[in-house]
Amino acid sequence: MFRFEWARMRALTVPFSPPPRMAARRLGRCSVPVTAAVLILLFPDAAFAGPGGAVVLAANSLPQVITNLQVWLMGILWSLAGLFALLGAMYRTTAGGDPGRVEKSNEAFRNAAYGAALGVLAPVILQVVRQIVGG
């Protein structure tokens, strides 16, 4: 019933003025973007996070970057190998003689072995990359 009264009131009113509740909602919706735009225009350095001075990049040397890459790569590979070994052990213990679950555990153990092998070979691979790049 309220919808019909609202539609009738809107049709009979020549200059449409929204009820105060709707006007407050519109003001609330517009105030945040307008305030953000005003602040961006007033303080552009803060909006773009500009340091205001010269920017100095503090990059490490190439051998240090390759060493850091080796540490991260070995950590990720060994973590994944441990995760797959844990999953393989869980699948094996909960298999209960089901051949599908036993095969799934064997696949998880195989993936763990691949991750461990890559973790062992990561220093060798990155040493080759270091020699190619000339670091």
Protein backbone atom coordinates (compact mmCIF):
# COMPACT_ATOMS: atom_id res chain seq x y z
CA MET A 1 0.00 0.00 0.00
CA PHE A 2 2.87 2.34 0.74
CA ARG A 3 4.22 1.98 -2.79
CA PHE A 4 0.95 3.09 -4.32
CA GLU A 5 0.76 6.15 -2.07
CA TRP A 6 4.36 7.01 -2.88
CA ALA A 7 3.75 6.68 -6.62
CA ARG A 8 0.58 8.77 -6.39
CA MET A 9 2.35 11.43 -4.34
CA ARG A 10 5.20 11.51 -6.83
CA ALA A 11 2.82 11.77 -9.78
CA LEU A 12 0.82 14.58 -8.20
CA THR A 13 3.83 16.62 -7.10
CA VAL A 14 5.12 18.86 -9.85
CA PRO A 15 8.60 19.74 -8.54
CA PHE A 16 9.66 16.43 -7.03
CA SER A 17 11.38 16.77 -3.70
CA PRO A 18 12.51 13.55 -2.04
CA PRO A 19 11.54 12.94 1.55
CA PRO A 20 14.15 13.99 4.12
CA ARG A 21 15.21 10.40 4.76
CA MET A 22 16.09 9.86 1.09
CA ALA A 23 17.90 13.18 0.90
CA ALA A 24 20.02 12.24 3.92
CA ARG A 25 20.89 8.92 2.27
CA ARG A 26 21.96 10.67 -0.92
CA LEU A 27 24.05 13.13 1.06
CA GLY A 28 25.71 10.26 2.93
CA ARG A 29 26.48 8.43 -0.30
CA CYS A 30 28.01 11.51 -1.92
CA SER A 31 29.96 12.85 1.04
CA VAL A 32 32.70 10.20 1.12
CA PRO A 33 33.70 10.40 -2.57
CA VAL A 34 33.48 14.20 -2.57
CA THR A 35 35.62 14.43 0.56
CA ALA A 36 38.18 12.04 -0.94
CA ALA A 37 38.32 14.05 -4.17
CA VAL A 38 38.80 17.31 -2.26
CA LEU A 39 41.61 15.82 -0.15
CA ILE A 40 43.34 14.42 -3.24
CA LEU A 41 43.18 17.81 -4.93
CA LEU A 42 44.42 19.66 -1.85
CA PHE A 43 47.26 17.24 -0.97
CA PRO A 44 48.50 15.55 -4.15
CA ASP A 45 51.81 14.40 -2.61
CA ALA A 46 49.96 12.44 0.05
CA ALA A 47 47.57 11.00 -2.54
CA PHE A 48 50.41 9.57 -4.63
CA ALA A 49 52.57 8.77 -1.58
CA GLY A 50 55.32 10.94 -2.99
CA PRO A 51 58.35 11.20 -0.72
CA GLY A 52 58.88 14.80 -1.77
CA GLY A 53 62.60 14.31 -2.44
CA ALA A 54 64.90 12.27 -4.57
CA VAL A 55 64.07 8.57 -4.73
CA VAL A 56 67.01 6.24 -4.12
CA LEU A 57 66.55 2.58 -4.98
CA ALA A 58 68.32 0.35 -2.50
CA ALA A 59 68.82 -2.73 -4.67
CA ASN A 60 71.32 -5.38 -3.74
CA SER A 61 74.08 -6.59 -6.00
CA LEU A 62 73.33 -9.40 -8.43
CA PRO A 63 75.11 -12.13 -6.43
CA GLN A 64 73.17 -11.10 -3.33
CA VAL A 65 69.88 -11.22 -5.26
CA ILE A 66 70.70 -14.71 -6.56
CA THR A 67 71.62 -15.85 -3.04
CA ASN A 68 68.34 -14.51 -1.68
CA LEU A 69 66.50 -16.23 -4.53
CA GLN A 70 68.25 -19.50 -3.66
CA VAL A 71 67.22 -19.26 0.00
CA TRP A 72 63.59 -18.54 -0.87
CA LEU A 73 63.45 -21.21 -3.57
CA MET A 74 64.92 -23.88 -1.30
CA GLY A 75 62.53 -22.92 1.50
CA ILE A 76 59.47 -23.11 -0.74
CA LEU A 77 60.55 -26.40 -2.35
CA TRP A 78 61.33 -28.10 0.96
CA SER A 79 58.05 -26.84 2.45
CA LEU A 80 56.08 -28.27 -0.46
CA ALA A 81 58.02 -31.54 -0.24
CA GLY A 82 57.15 -31.81 3.44
CA LEU A 83 53.51 -31.01 2.74
CA PHE A 84 53.26 -33.70 0.06
CA ALA A 85 55.01 -36.23 2.31
CA LEU A 86 52.51 -35.43 5.06
CA LEU A 87 49.59 -35.80 2.64
CA GLY A 88 51.02 -39.09 1.36
CA ALA A 89 51.33 -40.42 4.89
CA MET A 90 47.77 -39.33 5.69
CA TYR A 91 46.41 -40.98 2.53
CA ARG A 92 48.35 -44.18 3.26
CA THR A 93 47.15 -44.45 6.87
CA THR A 94 43.51 -43.73 5.99
CA ALA A 95 43.45 -45.92 2.87
CA GLY A 96 42.12 -49.00 4.64
CA GLY A 97 43.09 -51.25 1.73
CA ASP A 98 41.46 -49.07 -0.93
CA PRO A 99 43.70 -49.29 -4.03
CA GLY A 100 42.68 -45.81 -5.23
CA ARG A 101 43.78 -44.18 -1.98
CA VAL A 102 47.02 -46.17 -1.94
CA GLU A 103 47.77 -44.97 -5.49
CA LYS A 104 46.95 -41.40 -4.41
CA SER A 105 49.39 -41.72 -1.51
CA ASN A 106 52.08 -43.08 -3.85
CA GLU A 107 51.55 -40.08 -6.12
CA ALA A 108 51.86 -37.70 -3.16
CA PHE A 109 55.10 -39.41 -2.07
CA ARG A 110 56.39 -39.13 -5.65
CA ASN A 111 55.62 -35.39 -5.67
CA ALA A 112 57.41 -35.04 -2.31
CA ALA A 113 60.45 -36.75 -3.81
CA TYR A 114 60.40 -34.39 -6.80
CA GLY A 115 60.22 -31.36 -4.48
CA ALA A 116 63.07 -32.66 -2.33
CA ALA A 117 65.20 -33.38 -5.40
CA LEU A 118 64.63 -29.86 -6.72
CA GLY A 119 65.39 -28.47 -3.26
CA VAL A 120 68.72 -30.30 -3.27
CA LEU A 121 69.49 -29.20 -6.84
CA ALA A 122 68.45 -25.56 -6.34
CA PRO A 123 71.93 -24.36 -5.31
CA VAL A 124 73.47 -26.12 -8.32
CA ILE A 125 70.92 -24.65 -10.74
CA LEU A 126 71.34 -21.16 -9.33
CA GLN A 127 75.14 -21.50 -9.47
CA VAL A 128 74.81 -22.20 -13.20
CA VAL A 129 72.56 -19.13 -13.54
CA ARG A 130 75.12 -17.08 -11.59
CA GLN A 131 77.90 -18.16 -13.97
CA ILE A 132 75.77 -17.45 -17.07
CA VAL A 133 74.80 -14.00 -15.87
CA GLY A 134 78.33 -13.26 -14.74
CA GLY A 135 77.64 -12.50 -11.09
